[in-house]
Amino acid sequence: MQIKEVLQIIESSFQPLHSKAESSDYEHEISFRVFGPDDKAIYTSPTYRADHLLKNKHQLVHALDSARNTIIGKGFSLSDLSAEWTAK
């Protein structure tokens, strides 16, 4: 997987809400924010090491599941994750 793919996966994982994923530190780190219907941030991720998310799909799924559970716990509804890339 390439870093661009990971960023796209993250940004598509919180539908129907809007999210923005970014790489920093010369693409060594990845973080993301999810925005509510009023465009205010409702979740800000910790910073993840890009190499962990790129090399280990389970790390990425865990990061997304954790974020999604937090957002759902705040009362927001999210679409299901794409089964094609979350399959083990």
C-alpha atoms as a PDB file:
ATOM      1  CA  MET A   1       0.000   0.000   0.000  1.00  0.00           C
ATOM      2  CA  GLN A   2       1.144   3.543  -0.735  1.00  0.00           C
ATOM      3  CA  ILE A   3       0.701   6.479   1.620  1.00  0.00           C
ATOM      4  CA  LYS A   4      -1.772   8.098  -0.789  1.00  0.00           C
ATOM      5  CA  GLU A   5      -3.946   4.969  -0.607  1.00  0.00           C
ATOM      6  CA  VAL A   6      -3.906   4.999   3.196  1.00  0.00           C
ATOM      7  CA  LEU A   7      -4.971   8.645   3.256  1.00  0.00           C
ATOM      8  CA  GLN A   8      -7.832   7.878   0.841  1.00  0.00           C
ATOM      9  CA  ILE A   9      -8.955   4.893   2.923  1.00  0.00           C
ATOM     10  CA  ILE A  10      -8.988   7.010   6.067  1.00  0.00           C
ATOM     11  CA  GLU A  11     -10.953   9.798   4.402  1.00  0.00           C
ATOM     12  CA  SER A  12     -13.555   7.352   3.087  1.00  0.00           C
ATOM     13  CA  SER A  13     -14.024   5.596   6.439  1.00  0.00           C
ATOM     14  CA  PHE A  14     -16.282   8.114   8.153  1.00  0.00           C
ATOM     15  CA  GLN A  15     -19.103   8.606   5.651  1.00  0.00           C
ATOM     16  CA  PRO A  16     -21.423  10.449   5.664  1.00  0.00           C
ATOM     17  CA  LEU A  17     -19.191  12.757   7.739  1.00  0.00           C
ATOM     18  CA  HIS A  18     -16.267  14.635   6.213  1.00  0.00           C
ATOM     19  CA  SER A  19     -12.710  13.791   7.226  1.00  0.00           C
ATOM     20  CA  LYS A  20      -9.251  15.038   6.351  1.00  0.00           C
ATOM     21  CA  ALA A  21      -6.169  12.819   6.570  1.00  0.00           C
ATOM     22  CA  GLU A  22      -2.682  14.274   6.356  1.00  0.00           C
ATOM     23  CA  SER A  23       0.863  13.070   6.266  1.00  0.00           C
ATOM     24  CA  SER A  24       3.596  15.059   7.946  1.00  0.00           C
ATOM     25  CA  ASP A  25       7.274  14.863   8.807  1.00  0.00           C
ATOM     26  CA  TYR A  26       8.200  13.925   5.234  1.00  0.00           C
ATOM     27  CA  GLU A  27       5.422  11.298   5.115  1.00  0.00           C
ATOM     28  CA  HIS A  28       6.645   9.539   8.277  1.00  0.00           C
ATOM     29  CA  GLU A  29       3.513  10.404  10.250  1.00  0.00           C
ATOM     30  CA  ILE A  30      -0.228  10.297   9.558  1.00  0.00           C
ATOM     31  CA  SER A  31      -3.060  11.973  11.431  1.00  0.00           C
ATOM     32  CA  PHE A  32      -6.672  12.753  10.650  1.00  0.00           C
ATOM     33  CA  ARG A  33      -9.686  14.738  11.794  1.00  0.00           C
ATOM     34  CA  VAL A  34     -13.372  14.018  11.369  1.00  0.00           C
ATOM     35  CA  PHE A  35     -15.896  16.838  11.100  1.00  0.00           C
ATOM     36  CA  GLY A  36     -19.547  16.903  12.111  1.00  0.00           C
ATOM     37  CA  PRO A  37     -22.416  18.273  10.024  1.00  0.00           C
ATOM     38  CA  ASP A  38     -21.557  21.806  11.199  1.00  0.00           C
ATOM     39  CA  ASP A  39     -17.928  21.385   9.985  1.00  0.00           C
ATOM     40  CA  LYS A  40     -16.554  21.437  13.530  1.00  0.00           C
ATOM     41  CA  ALA A  41     -13.981  18.774  14.388  1.00  0.00           C
ATOM     42  CA  ILE A  42     -15.589  15.986  16.401  1.00  0.00           C
ATOM     43  CA  TYR A  43     -12.521  13.725  16.429  1.00  0.00           C
ATOM     44  CA  THR A  44      -8.799  14.324  16.127  1.00  0.00           C
ATOM     45  CA  SER A  45      -6.628  11.255  15.852  1.00  0.00           C
ATOM     46  CA  PRO A  46      -3.339  10.712  17.556  1.00  0.00           C
ATOM     47  CA  THR A  47      -0.339  10.829  15.243  1.00  0.00           C
ATOM     48  CA  TYR A  48       0.479   7.414  13.806  1.00  0.00           C
ATOM     49  CA  ARG A  49       3.764   6.277  12.340  1.00  0.00           C
ATOM     50  CA  ALA A  50       3.132   5.912   8.629  1.00  0.00           C
ATOM     51  CA  ASP A  51       5.290   2.808   8.282  1.00  0.00           C
ATOM     52  CA  HIS A  52       3.116   0.972  10.851  1.00  0.00           C
ATOM     53  CA  LEU A  53      -0.085   1.742   8.951  1.00  0.00           C
ATOM     54  CA  LEU A  54       1.471   0.995   5.561  1.00  0.00           C
ATOM     55  CA  LYS A  55       3.004  -2.353   6.489  1.00  0.00           C
ATOM     56  CA  ASN A  56       0.323  -3.714   8.773  1.00  0.00           C
ATOM     57  CA  LYS A  57      -3.276  -3.485   7.599  1.00  0.00           C
ATOM     58  CA  HIS A  58      -4.469  -4.612  11.037  1.00  0.00           C
ATOM     59  CA  GLN A  59      -2.924  -1.482  12.596  1.00  0.00           C
ATOM     60  CA  LEU A  60      -4.890   0.670  10.152  1.00  0.00           C
ATOM     61  CA  VAL A  61      -8.134  -1.205  10.808  1.00  0.00           C
ATOM     62  CA  HIS A  62      -7.579  -0.895  14.563  1.00  0.00           C
ATOM     63  CA  ALA A  63      -6.958   2.875  14.292  1.00  0.00           C
ATOM     64  CA  LEU A  64     -10.107   3.340  12.201  1.00  0.00           C
ATOM     65  CA  ASP A  65     -12.248   1.101  14.424  1.00  0.00           C
ATOM     66  CA  SER A  66     -11.140   3.026  17.491  1.00  0.00           C
ATOM     67  CA  ALA A  67     -11.971   6.375  15.878  1.00  0.00           C
ATOM     68  CA  ARG A  68     -15.297   5.113  14.528  1.00  0.00           C
ATOM     69  CA  ASN A  69     -16.312   3.730  17.942  1.00  0.00           C
ATOM     70  CA  THR A  70     -15.520   7.075  19.571  1.00  0.00           C
ATOM     71  CA  ILE A  71     -17.561   8.957  16.946  1.00  0.00           C
ATOM     72  CA  ILE A  72     -20.500   6.539  17.149  1.00  0.00           C
ATOM     73  CA  GLY A  73     -20.336   6.889  20.937  1.00  0.00           C
ATOM     74  CA  LYS A  74     -20.922  10.620  20.459  1.00  0.00           C
ATOM     75  CA  GLY A  75     -24.209   9.831  18.716  1.00  0.00           C
ATOM     76  CA  PHE A  76     -23.200  10.004  15.048  1.00  0.00           C
ATOM     77  CA  SER A  77     -24.123   7.334  12.490  1.00  0.00           C
ATOM     78  CA  LEU A  78     -21.492   6.066  10.070  1.00  0.00           C
ATOM     79  CA  SER A  79     -21.671   3.915   6.955  1.00  0.00           C
ATOM     80  CA  ASP A  80     -20.097   0.457   7.085  1.00  0.00           C
ATOM     81  CA  LEU A  81     -16.398   0.154   6.289  1.00  0.00           C
ATOM     82  CA  SER A  82     -15.488  -1.184   2.876  1.00  0.00           C
ATOM     83  CA  ALA A  83     -15.148  -4.971   3.155  1.00  0.00           C
ATOM     84  CA  GLU A  84     -12.632  -5.165   0.297  1.00  0.00           C
ATOM     85  CA  TRP A  85      -9.728  -3.734   2.270  1.00  0.00           C
ATOM     86  CA  THR A  86     -10.733  -4.660   5.832  1.00  0.00           C
ATOM     87  CA  ALA A  87     -10.886  -8.400   5.103  1.00  0.00           C
ATOM     88  CA  LYS A  88      -8.228 -10.323   6.990  1.00  0.00           C
END
